Amino acid sequence: MSIHARLGVAVVVVAVVGAILALVARARPQAFPTVRVFVRLCGAAAAVQVVIGLVLLAMGDRPAQGIHLFYGAATFVPIPLAEVYAKRFPARDETMLLLAGAVATALFGFRAITTGSA
């Protein structure tokens, strides 16, 4: 299993844990700063994953299915988008938007994993 594939799995796992933490933060608002950090970690891991994927693509390594390129890019988008949008709302609503970003990242990441391997 390549580093790209391993990091893809890690992105999905971190996104799922981030989503769970966001749910916990709904009941325990003092956990919200941890959610922010964890969700940003997930976004950073997804960004690194995209860069590695682009390097592999430039070196001629193609995914098993072309749609992997869409899902790979889509994995990166939800968290930064949720963070930008969430700054307009109170912390309780911000938690839900970050939850949605983490869930979307996990789902797109899972689909990218299933379309990338040969």
C-alpha atoms as a PDB file:
ATOM      1  CA  MET A   1       0.000   0.000   0.000  1.00  0.00           C
ATOM      2  CA  SER A   2       1.450   3.368  -1.049  1.00  0.00           C
ATOM      3  CA  ILE A   3       1.865   6.419   1.161  1.00  0.00           C
ATOM      4  CA  HIS A   4      -0.923   8.070  -0.821  1.00  0.00           C
ATOM      5  CA  ALA A   5      -3.295   5.195  -0.054  1.00  0.00           C
ATOM      6  CA  ARG A   6      -2.307   5.095   3.625  1.00  0.00           C
ATOM      7  CA  LEU A   7      -2.762   8.819   4.031  1.00  0.00           C
ATOM      8  CA  GLY A   8      -6.151   8.508   2.331  1.00  0.00           C
ATOM      9  CA  VAL A   9      -7.250   6.048   4.992  1.00  0.00           C
ATOM     10  CA  ALA A  10      -5.842   8.343   7.683  1.00  0.00           C
ATOM     11  CA  VAL A  11      -7.801  11.313   6.302  1.00  0.00           C
ATOM     12  CA  VAL A  12     -11.037   9.322   6.484  1.00  0.00           C
ATOM     13  CA  VAL A  13     -10.309   8.150  10.047  1.00  0.00           C
ATOM     14  CA  VAL A  14      -9.394  11.668  11.213  1.00  0.00           C
ATOM     15  CA  ALA A  15     -12.550  13.069   9.570  1.00  0.00           C
ATOM     16  CA  VAL A  16     -14.744  10.487  11.302  1.00  0.00           C
ATOM     17  CA  VAL A  17     -13.127  11.237  14.677  1.00  0.00           C
ATOM     18  CA  GLY A  18     -13.544  14.975  13.981  1.00  0.00           C
ATOM     19  CA  ALA A  19     -17.236  14.429  13.263  1.00  0.00           C
ATOM     20  CA  ILE A  20     -17.633  12.496  16.522  1.00  0.00           C
ATOM     21  CA  LEU A  21     -15.841  15.256  18.434  1.00  0.00           C
ATOM     22  CA  ALA A  22     -18.156  17.844  16.848  1.00  0.00           C
ATOM     23  CA  LEU A  23     -21.143  15.865  18.110  1.00  0.00           C
ATOM     24  CA  VAL A  24     -19.607  15.729  21.592  1.00  0.00           C
ATOM     25  CA  ALA A  25     -18.983  19.484  21.474  1.00  0.00           C
ATOM     26  CA  ARG A  26     -22.710  20.055  20.974  1.00  0.00           C
ATOM     27  CA  ALA A  27     -23.267  18.690  24.490  1.00  0.00           C
ATOM     28  CA  ARG A  28     -19.990  19.998  25.931  1.00  0.00           C
ATOM     29  CA  PRO A  29     -19.170  23.432  24.472  1.00  0.00           C
ATOM     30  CA  GLN A  30     -15.816  23.506  26.305  1.00  0.00           C
ATOM     31  CA  ALA A  31     -14.637  20.846  23.824  1.00  0.00           C
ATOM     32  CA  PHE A  32     -15.208  23.148  20.851  1.00  0.00           C
ATOM     33  CA  PRO A  33     -11.607  24.470  20.628  1.00  0.00           C
ATOM     34  CA  THR A  34     -10.451  20.850  20.340  1.00  0.00           C
ATOM     35  CA  VAL A  35     -12.928  20.314  17.512  1.00  0.00           C
ATOM     36  CA  ARG A  36     -11.558  23.320  15.633  1.00  0.00           C
ATOM     37  CA  VAL A  37      -7.994  22.039  15.916  1.00  0.00           C
ATOM     38  CA  PHE A  38      -8.942  18.497  14.960  1.00  0.00           C
ATOM     39  CA  VAL A  39     -10.985  19.594  11.959  1.00  0.00           C
ATOM     40  CA  ARG A  40      -8.124  21.819  10.781  1.00  0.00           C
ATOM     41  CA  LEU A  41      -5.773  18.858  11.159  1.00  0.00           C
ATOM     42  CA  CYS A  42      -8.103  16.872   8.932  1.00  0.00           C
ATOM     43  CA  GLY A  43      -8.158  19.671   6.341  1.00  0.00           C
ATOM     44  CA  ALA A  44      -4.360  19.870   6.390  1.00  0.00           C
ATOM     45  CA  ALA A  45      -4.047  16.101   5.949  1.00  0.00           C
ATOM     46  CA  ALA A  46      -6.463  16.262   3.009  1.00  0.00           C
ATOM     47  CA  ALA A  47      -4.395  19.073   1.458  1.00  0.00           C
ATOM     48  CA  VAL A  48      -1.202  17.025   1.792  1.00  0.00           C
ATOM     49  CA  GLN A  49      -3.062  14.094   0.261  1.00  0.00           C
ATOM     50  CA  VAL A  50      -4.046  16.225  -2.741  1.00  0.00           C
ATOM     51  CA  VAL A  51      -0.452  17.387  -3.241  1.00  0.00           C
ATOM     52  CA  ILE A  52       0.848  13.804  -3.106  1.00  0.00           C
ATOM     53  CA  GLY A  53      -1.847  12.753  -5.570  1.00  0.00           C
ATOM     54  CA  LEU A  54      -0.901  15.533  -7.978  1.00  0.00           C
ATOM     55  CA  VAL A  55       2.764  14.545  -7.764  1.00  0.00           C
ATOM     56  CA  LEU A  56       1.840  10.928  -8.509  1.00  0.00           C
ATOM     57  CA  LEU A  57      -0.312  12.056 -11.412  1.00  0.00           C
ATOM     58  CA  ALA A  58       2.519  14.218 -12.793  1.00  0.00           C
ATOM     59  CA  MET A  59       4.822  11.188 -12.587  1.00  0.00           C
ATOM     60  CA  GLY A  60       2.381   9.214 -14.737  1.00  0.00           C
ATOM     61  CA  ASP A  61       0.767   7.132 -11.997  1.00  0.00           C
ATOM     62  CA  ARG A  62      -2.927   7.033 -12.873  1.00  0.00           C
ATOM     63  CA  PRO A  63      -5.759   5.964 -10.549  1.00  0.00           C
ATOM     64  CA  ALA A  64      -7.778   2.836 -11.328  1.00  0.00           C
ATOM     65  CA  GLN A  65     -10.813   4.973 -12.199  1.00  0.00           C
ATOM     66  CA  GLY A  66     -10.734   8.511 -13.577  1.00  0.00           C
ATOM     67  CA  ILE A  67     -13.488   9.626 -11.183  1.00  0.00           C
ATOM     68  CA  HIS A  68     -10.895   9.260  -8.390  1.00  0.00           C
ATOM     69  CA  LEU A  69      -9.541  12.660  -9.429  1.00  0.00           C
ATOM     70  CA  PHE A  70     -12.917  14.260  -8.688  1.00  0.00           C
ATOM     71  CA  TYR A  71     -13.331  12.501  -5.342  1.00  0.00           C
ATOM     72  CA  GLY A  72      -9.754  13.285  -4.369  1.00  0.00           C
ATOM     73  CA  ALA A  73     -10.274  16.996  -4.997  1.00  0.00           C
ATOM     74  CA  ALA A  74     -13.712  16.907  -3.367  1.00  0.00           C
ATOM     75  CA  THR A  75     -12.180  15.446  -0.201  1.00  0.00           C
ATOM     76  CA  PHE A  76     -10.224  18.652   0.342  1.00  0.00           C
ATOM     77  CA  VAL A  77     -13.029  21.183  -0.247  1.00  0.00           C
ATOM     78  CA  PRO A  78     -15.641  20.658   2.554  1.00  0.00           C
ATOM     79  CA  ILE A  79     -13.578  21.584   5.610  1.00  0.00           C
ATOM     80  CA  PRO A  80     -12.129  24.902   4.391  1.00  0.00           C
ATOM     81  CA  LEU A  81     -15.547  25.783   2.984  1.00  0.00           C
ATOM     82  CA  ALA A  82     -17.232  24.956   6.312  1.00  0.00           C
ATOM     83  CA  GLU A  83     -14.645  26.978   8.236  1.00  0.00           C
ATOM     84  CA  VAL A  84     -15.113  30.056   6.055  1.00  0.00           C
ATOM     85  CA  TYR A  85     -18.892  29.826   6.207  1.00  0.00           C
ATOM     86  CA  ALA A  86     -19.024  28.942   9.936  1.00  0.00           C
ATOM     87  CA  LYS A  87     -17.286  32.141  11.064  1.00  0.00           C
ATOM     88  CA  ARG A  88     -20.549  33.985  10.421  1.00  0.00           C
ATOM     89  CA  PHE A  89     -22.459  32.000  13.042  1.00  0.00           C
ATOM     90  CA  PRO A  90     -22.434  31.458  16.822  1.00  0.00           C
ATOM     91  CA  ALA A  91     -20.317  28.587  18.180  1.00  0.00           C
ATOM     92  CA  ARG A  92     -23.241  26.162  18.424  1.00  0.00           C
ATOM     93  CA  ASP A  93     -24.066  26.594  14.727  1.00  0.00           C
ATOM     94  CA  GLU A  94     -20.362  26.604  13.868  1.00  0.00           C
ATOM     95  CA  THR A  95     -20.119  23.154  15.428  1.00  0.00           C
ATOM     96  CA  MET A  96     -22.806  21.842  13.085  1.00  0.00           C
ATOM     97  CA  LEU A  97     -21.130  23.311  10.028  1.00  0.00           C
ATOM     98  CA  LEU A  98     -17.784  21.783  11.008  1.00  0.00           C
ATOM     99  CA  LEU A  99     -19.600  18.499  11.615  1.00  0.00           C
ATOM    100  CA  ALA A 100     -21.027  18.685   8.094  1.00  0.00           C
ATOM    101  CA  GLY A 101     -17.560  19.455   6.687  1.00  0.00           C
ATOM    102  CA  ALA A 102     -15.993  16.519   8.524  1.00  0.00           C
ATOM    103  CA  VAL A 103     -18.746  14.127   7.421  1.00  0.00           C
ATOM    104  CA  ALA A 104     -18.471  15.268   3.796  1.00  0.00           C
ATOM    105  CA  THR A 105     -14.692  14.864   3.932  1.00  0.00           C
ATOM    106  CA  ALA A 106     -15.049  11.346   5.314  1.00  0.00           C
ATOM    107  CA  LEU A 107     -17.575  10.368   2.643  1.00  0.00           C
ATOM    108  CA  PHE A 108     -15.638  11.839  -0.271  1.00  0.00           C
ATOM    109  CA  GLY A 109     -12.420  10.381   1.131  1.00  0.00           C
ATOM    110  CA  PHE A 110     -13.954   6.933   1.433  1.00  0.00           C
ATOM    111  CA  ARG A 111     -15.173   7.110  -2.145  1.00  0.00           C
ATOM    112  CA  ALA A 112     -11.744   8.305  -3.303  1.00  0.00           C
ATOM    113  CA  ILE A 113     -10.159   5.293  -1.606  1.00  0.00           C
ATOM    114  CA  THR A 114     -12.509   2.906  -3.379  1.00  0.00           C
ATOM    115  CA  THR A 115     -11.831   4.415  -6.825  1.00  0.00           C
ATOM    116  CA  GLY A 116      -8.079   4.939  -6.578  1.00  0.00           C
ATOM    117  CA  SER A 117      -6.580   1.491  -6.145  1.00  0.00           C
ATOM    118  CA  ALA A 118      -5.879  -0.691  -9.114  1.00  0.00           C
END
